[in-house]
Amino acid sequence: MGSVAPRKARQRLPTGWTEELVRKVIDYYDNQSDDEAAAEIEAALKSPKMTMIQVPSVLLPAVRKLIARNMALRADALRAIGSPRTSRKPTGRTATVGKRPPRKRR
């Protein structure tokens, strides 16, 4: 009986990413000098779109869950209003971020 080679698990990439894009990102950072990396970090720290905070390590899992939950809610809201950032067609529903839709009266 011959042995069967185990299948290599195919990695799932984030939406919009391709293997070529992953290779380009890896190549970019592999070929980046220390000075370029430091300049990139400094620019990120000064960005008005991002805020850097210190969080106690024990709280980090909870903070990550909170961020993931918020991102999921925002993505759902964008899909619901038919934002051009999403690939789904508009559903006609209105977006409710962070609160339940009103109850239907009987």
N, C-alpha and C. Protein backbone atom coordinates (compact mmCIF):
# COMPACT_ATOMS: atom_id res chain seq x y z
N MET A 1 0.84 -1.17 0.00
CA MET A 1 0.00 0.00 0.00
C MET A 1 0.89 1.24 0.00
N GLY A 2 0.69 2.17 -0.93
CA GLY A 2 1.49 3.38 -1.01
C GLY A 2 1.00 4.44 -0.04
N SER A 3 1.91 5.27 0.38
CA SER A 3 1.50 6.34 1.28
C SER A 3 0.98 7.53 0.46
N VAL A 4 0.00 8.19 1.00
CA VAL A 4 -0.58 9.35 0.34
C VAL A 4 -0.02 10.60 1.00
N ALA A 5 0.47 11.52 0.17
CA ALA A 5 1.02 12.76 0.70
C ALA A 5 -0.11 13.60 1.29
N PRO A 6 0.10 14.16 2.49
CA PRO A 6 -0.97 14.97 3.08
C PRO A 6 -1.21 16.22 2.24
N ARG A 7 -2.46 16.62 2.17
CA ARG A 7 -2.82 17.82 1.42
C ARG A 7 -2.32 19.05 2.16
N LYS A 8 -1.85 19.99 1.40
CA LYS A 8 -1.43 21.25 2.00
C LYS A 8 -2.69 22.11 2.16
N ALA A 9 -2.94 22.54 3.38
CA ALA A 9 -4.12 23.36 3.64
C ALA A 9 -3.99 24.70 2.93
N ARG A 10 -5.05 25.09 2.25
CA ARG A 10 -5.05 26.37 1.54
C ARG A 10 -5.46 27.46 2.52
N GLN A 11 -4.64 28.49 2.61
CA GLN A 11 -4.94 29.58 3.52
C GLN A 11 -6.04 30.45 2.94
N ARG A 12 -6.89 30.94 3.83
CA ARG A 12 -7.92 31.89 3.41
C ARG A 12 -7.34 33.29 3.54
N LEU A 13 -7.50 34.06 2.50
CA LEU A 13 -6.99 35.43 2.49
C LEU A 13 -8.13 36.39 2.78
N PRO A 14 -7.81 37.54 3.34
CA PRO A 14 -8.85 38.55 3.56
C PRO A 14 -9.50 38.94 2.24
N THR A 15 -10.73 39.40 2.31
CA THR A 15 -11.45 39.83 1.12
C THR A 15 -10.64 40.87 0.36
N GLY A 16 -10.51 40.65 -0.93
CA GLY A 16 -9.78 41.58 -1.78
C GLY A 16 -8.29 41.29 -1.91
N TRP A 17 -7.77 40.38 -1.11
CA TRP A 17 -6.36 40.03 -1.16
C TRP A 17 -6.15 38.85 -2.09
N THR A 18 -5.00 38.84 -2.77
CA THR A 18 -4.60 37.72 -3.62
C THR A 18 -3.22 37.27 -3.18
N GLU A 19 -2.83 36.09 -3.65
CA GLU A 19 -1.49 35.61 -3.31
C GLU A 19 -0.42 36.55 -3.85
N GLU A 20 -0.67 37.13 -5.02
CA GLU A 20 0.28 38.09 -5.59
C GLU A 20 0.43 39.31 -4.68
N LEU A 21 -0.67 39.83 -4.17
CA LEU A 21 -0.62 40.99 -3.29
C LEU A 21 0.13 40.64 -2.00
N VAL A 22 -0.10 39.45 -1.46
CA VAL A 22 0.60 39.02 -0.26
C VAL A 22 2.11 38.98 -0.52
N ARG A 23 2.49 38.43 -1.67
CA ARG A 23 3.93 38.38 -2.02
C ARG A 23 4.52 39.78 -2.14
N LYS A 24 3.76 40.72 -2.73
CA LYS A 24 4.26 42.10 -2.87
C LYS A 24 4.45 42.76 -1.51
N VAL A 25 3.52 42.54 -0.59
CA VAL A 25 3.64 43.12 0.75
C VAL A 25 4.84 42.52 1.48
N ILE A 26 5.00 41.22 1.38
CA ILE A 26 6.16 40.56 2.02
C ILE A 26 7.45 41.11 1.43
N ASP A 27 7.50 41.23 0.10
CA ASP A 27 8.70 41.75 -0.57
C ASP A 27 9.00 43.18 -0.13
N TYR A 28 7.93 43.99 0.00
CA TYR A 28 8.09 45.39 0.42
C TYR A 28 8.77 45.46 1.79
N TYR A 29 8.25 44.70 2.75
CA TYR A 29 8.80 44.77 4.10
C TYR A 29 10.14 44.05 4.23
N ASP A 30 10.36 42.99 3.45
CA ASP A 30 11.65 42.32 3.48
C ASP A 30 12.77 43.21 2.95
N ASN A 31 12.45 44.10 2.03
CA ASN A 31 13.47 44.96 1.42
C ASN A 31 13.50 46.37 2.00
N GLN A 32 12.75 46.60 3.06
CA GLN A 32 12.70 47.92 3.68
C GLN A 32 13.89 48.09 4.64
N SER A 33 14.55 49.23 4.56
CA SER A 33 15.67 49.50 5.46
C SER A 33 15.13 49.84 6.85
N ASP A 34 16.00 49.80 7.84
CA ASP A 34 15.60 50.17 9.20
C ASP A 34 15.13 51.63 9.27
N ASP A 35 15.83 52.50 8.54
CA ASP A 35 15.44 53.91 8.52
C ASP A 35 14.06 54.11 7.89
N GLU A 36 13.80 53.39 6.80
CA GLU A 36 12.49 53.47 6.15
C GLU A 36 11.39 52.94 7.08
N ALA A 37 11.68 51.87 7.79
CA ALA A 37 10.70 51.30 8.71
C ALA A 37 10.41 52.28 9.84
N ALA A 38 11.45 52.90 10.37
CA ALA A 38 11.27 53.87 11.45
C ALA A 38 10.45 55.07 10.97
N ALA A 39 10.73 55.54 9.76
CA ALA A 39 9.98 56.67 9.20
C ALA A 39 8.51 56.31 9.01
N GLU A 40 8.25 55.09 8.59
CA GLU A 40 6.87 54.64 8.40
C GLU A 40 6.12 54.58 9.73
N ILE A 41 6.80 54.11 10.77
CA ILE A 41 6.19 54.05 12.10
C ILE A 41 5.92 55.46 12.61
N GLU A 42 6.87 56.36 12.46
CA GLU A 42 6.68 57.75 12.89
C GLU A 42 5.50 58.39 12.18
N ALA A 43 5.39 58.16 10.87
CA ALA A 43 4.27 58.73 10.11
C ALA A 43 2.94 58.17 10.61
N ALA A 44 2.91 56.89 10.92
CA ALA A 44 1.67 56.28 11.42
C ALA A 44 1.28 56.86 12.77
N LEU A 45 2.26 57.14 13.61
CA LEU A 45 1.98 57.70 14.93
C LEU A 45 1.41 59.11 14.83
N LYS A 46 1.72 59.82 13.76
CA LYS A 46 1.25 61.19 13.58
C LYS A 46 -0.05 61.27 12.79
N SER A 47 -0.55 60.15 12.31
CA SER A 47 -1.75 60.13 11.48
C SER A 47 -2.98 60.54 12.29
N PRO A 48 -3.79 61.45 11.74
CA PRO A 48 -5.02 61.84 12.45
C PRO A 48 -6.09 60.75 12.40
N LYS A 49 -5.89 59.74 11.57
CA LYS A 49 -6.87 58.67 11.44
C LYS A 49 -6.63 57.52 12.42
N MET A 50 -5.51 57.51 13.10
CA MET A 50 -5.16 56.41 14.00
C MET A 50 -4.75 56.98 15.35
N THR A 51 -5.01 56.19 16.39
CA THR A 51 -4.59 56.56 17.73
C THR A 51 -3.88 55.37 18.35
N MET A 52 -2.73 55.62 18.93
CA MET A 52 -1.97 54.57 19.60
C MET A 52 -2.24 54.67 21.10
N ILE A 53 -2.56 53.54 21.72
CA ILE A 53 -2.79 53.53 23.16
C ILE A 53 -2.04 52.36 23.78
N GLN A 54 -1.78 52.47 25.05
CA GLN A 54 -1.20 51.36 25.79
C GLN A 54 -2.33 50.68 26.55
N VAL A 55 -2.36 49.36 26.45
CA VAL A 55 -3.39 48.57 27.10
C VAL A 55 -2.68 47.49 27.91
N PRO A 56 -3.09 47.28 29.15
CA PRO A 56 -2.50 46.18 29.91
C PRO A 56 -2.68 44.87 29.15
N SER A 57 -1.66 44.05 29.15
CA SER A 57 -1.67 42.80 28.38
C SER A 57 -2.86 41.91 28.72
N VAL A 58 -3.28 41.91 29.97
CA VAL A 58 -4.40 41.05 30.36
C VAL A 58 -5.71 41.51 29.72
N LEU A 59 -5.80 42.79 29.33
CA LEU A 59 -7.01 43.31 28.70
C LEU A 59 -6.99 43.21 27.18
N LEU A 60 -5.86 42.87 26.60
CA LEU A 60 -5.72 42.87 25.15
C LEU A 60 -6.72 41.95 24.45
N PRO A 61 -6.97 40.72 24.92
CA PRO A 61 -7.97 39.89 24.23
C PRO A 61 -9.35 40.54 24.20
N ALA A 62 -9.75 41.17 25.29
CA ALA A 62 -11.06 41.83 25.33
C ALA A 62 -11.10 43.03 24.38
N VAL A 63 -10.02 43.78 24.29
CA VAL A 63 -9.95 44.93 23.40
C VAL A 63 -10.03 44.46 21.95
N ARG A 64 -9.33 43.39 21.63
CA ARG A 64 -9.37 42.85 20.27
C ARG A 64 -10.78 42.40 19.89
N LYS A 65 -11.47 41.74 20.82
CA LYS A 65 -12.84 41.30 20.56
C LYS A 65 -13.76 42.51 20.33
N LEU A 66 -13.56 43.55 21.13
CA LEU A 66 -14.37 44.76 20.99
C LEU A 66 -14.15 45.43 19.63
N ILE A 67 -12.90 45.49 19.21
CA ILE A 67 -12.58 46.09 17.91
C ILE A 67 -13.18 45.24 16.79
N ALA A 68 -13.04 43.92 16.88
CA ALA A 68 -13.59 43.03 15.85
C ALA A 68 -15.11 43.17 15.78
N ARG A 69 -15.76 43.26 16.93
CA ARG A 69 -17.21 43.41 16.96
C ARG A 69 -17.63 44.73 16.30
N ASN A 70 -16.90 45.79 16.62
CA ASN A 70 -17.21 47.09 16.03
C ASN A 70 -17.02 47.08 14.52
N MET A 71 -15.95 46.46 14.06
CA MET A 71 -15.69 46.39 12.62
C MET A 71 -16.78 45.58 11.92
N ALA A 72 -17.24 44.50 12.55
CA ALA A 72 -18.31 43.69 11.96
C ALA A 72 -19.60 44.49 11.87
N LEU A 73 -19.91 45.25 12.91
CA LEU A 73 -21.12 46.08 12.89
C LEU A 73 -21.04 47.13 11.79
N ARG A 74 -19.89 47.73 11.62
CA ARG A 74 -19.73 48.75 10.59
C ARG A 74 -19.85 48.12 9.20
N ALA A 75 -19.27 46.93 9.01
CA ALA A 75 -19.37 46.25 7.72
C ALA A 75 -20.82 45.90 7.42
N ASP A 76 -21.54 45.42 8.42
CA ASP A 76 -22.97 45.11 8.23
C ASP A 76 -23.75 46.36 7.85
N ALA A 77 -23.44 47.47 8.51
CA ALA A 77 -24.14 48.72 8.23
C ALA A 77 -23.85 49.18 6.80
N LEU A 78 -22.61 49.07 6.37
CA LEU A 78 -22.26 49.47 5.01
C LEU A 78 -22.96 48.59 3.99
N ARG A 79 -23.04 47.29 4.25
CA ARG A 79 -23.75 46.39 3.34
C ARG A 79 -25.23 46.74 3.30
N ALA A 80 -25.79 47.06 4.45
CA ALA A 80 -27.22 47.35 4.53
C ALA A 80 -27.60 48.60 3.74
N ILE A 81 -26.70 49.58 3.67
CA ILE A 81 -27.03 50.80 2.93
C ILE A 81 -26.51 50.76 1.50
N GLY A 82 -25.90 49.63 1.14
CA GLY A 82 -25.42 49.48 -0.23
C GLY A 82 -24.22 50.33 -0.55
N SER A 83 -23.31 50.45 0.39
CA SER A 83 -22.11 51.24 0.17
C SER A 83 -21.31 50.68 -0.99
N PRO A 84 -20.71 51.54 -1.81
CA PRO A 84 -19.89 51.05 -2.92
C PRO A 84 -18.64 50.30 -2.45
N ARG A 85 -18.30 50.38 -1.17
CA ARG A 85 -17.15 49.65 -0.65
C ARG A 85 -17.41 48.15 -0.56
N THR A 86 -18.66 47.76 -0.61
CA THR A 86 -19.01 46.36 -0.46
C THR A 86 -19.40 45.77 -1.79
N SER A 87 -19.29 44.46 -1.91
CA SER A 87 -19.60 43.80 -3.17
C SER A 87 -21.06 43.36 -3.24
N ARG A 88 -21.78 43.40 -2.13
CA ARG A 88 -23.18 42.98 -2.14
C ARG A 88 -24.07 44.06 -2.72
N LYS A 89 -25.21 43.62 -3.26
CA LYS A 89 -26.19 44.57 -3.77
C LYS A 89 -26.98 45.13 -2.59
N PRO A 90 -27.52 46.35 -2.73
CA PRO A 90 -28.31 46.94 -1.64
C PRO A 90 -29.52 46.07 -1.33
N THR A 91 -29.86 45.99 -0.05
CA THR A 91 -30.99 45.17 0.36
C THR A 91 -32.22 46.01 0.65
N GLY A 92 -32.07 47.32 0.71
CA GLY A 92 -33.18 48.19 1.02
C GLY A 92 -33.39 48.39 2.51
N ARG A 93 -32.59 47.69 3.32
CA ARG A 93 -32.69 47.87 4.77
C ARG A 93 -31.90 49.08 5.19
N THR A 94 -32.31 49.69 6.28
CA THR A 94 -31.54 50.81 6.81
C THR A 94 -30.53 50.28 7.81
N ALA A 95 -29.43 50.98 7.96
CA ALA A 95 -28.37 50.54 8.85
C ALA A 95 -28.66 50.95 10.28
N THR A 96 -28.42 50.03 11.19
CA THR A 96 -28.51 50.34 12.62
C THR A 96 -27.22 49.85 13.25
N VAL A 97 -26.37 50.76 13.59
CA VAL A 97 -25.09 50.41 14.16
C VAL A 97 -25.17 50.56 15.67
N GLY A 98 -24.95 49.46 16.37
CA GLY A 98 -24.87 49.51 17.82
C GLY A 98 -26.20 49.50 18.53
N LYS A 99 -27.33 49.40 17.80
CA LYS A 99 -28.61 49.31 18.50
C LYS A 99 -29.56 48.43 17.70
N ARG A 100 -30.54 47.91 18.39
CA ARG A 100 -31.50 47.02 17.75
C ARG A 100 -32.49 47.81 16.92
N PRO A 101 -33.01 47.18 15.85
CA PRO A 101 -34.08 47.86 15.11
C PRO A 101 -35.34 47.90 15.97
N PRO A 102 -36.24 48.86 15.73
CA PRO A 102 -37.44 48.95 16.55
C PRO A 102 -38.30 47.70 16.40
N ARG A 103 -39.01 47.36 17.49
CA ARG A 103 -39.90 46.19 17.46
C ARG A 103 -41.12 46.51 16.63
N LYS A 104 -41.64 45.46 15.95
CA LYS A 104 -42.88 45.64 15.20
C LYS A 104 -44.05 45.54 16.18
N ARG A 105 -45.00 46.42 15.98
CA ARG A 105 -46.20 46.40 16.84
C ARG A 105 -47.19 45.40 16.28
N ARG A 106 -47.90 44.76 17.19
CA ARG A 106 -48.90 43.77 16.77
C ARG A 106 -50.26 44.35 16.72
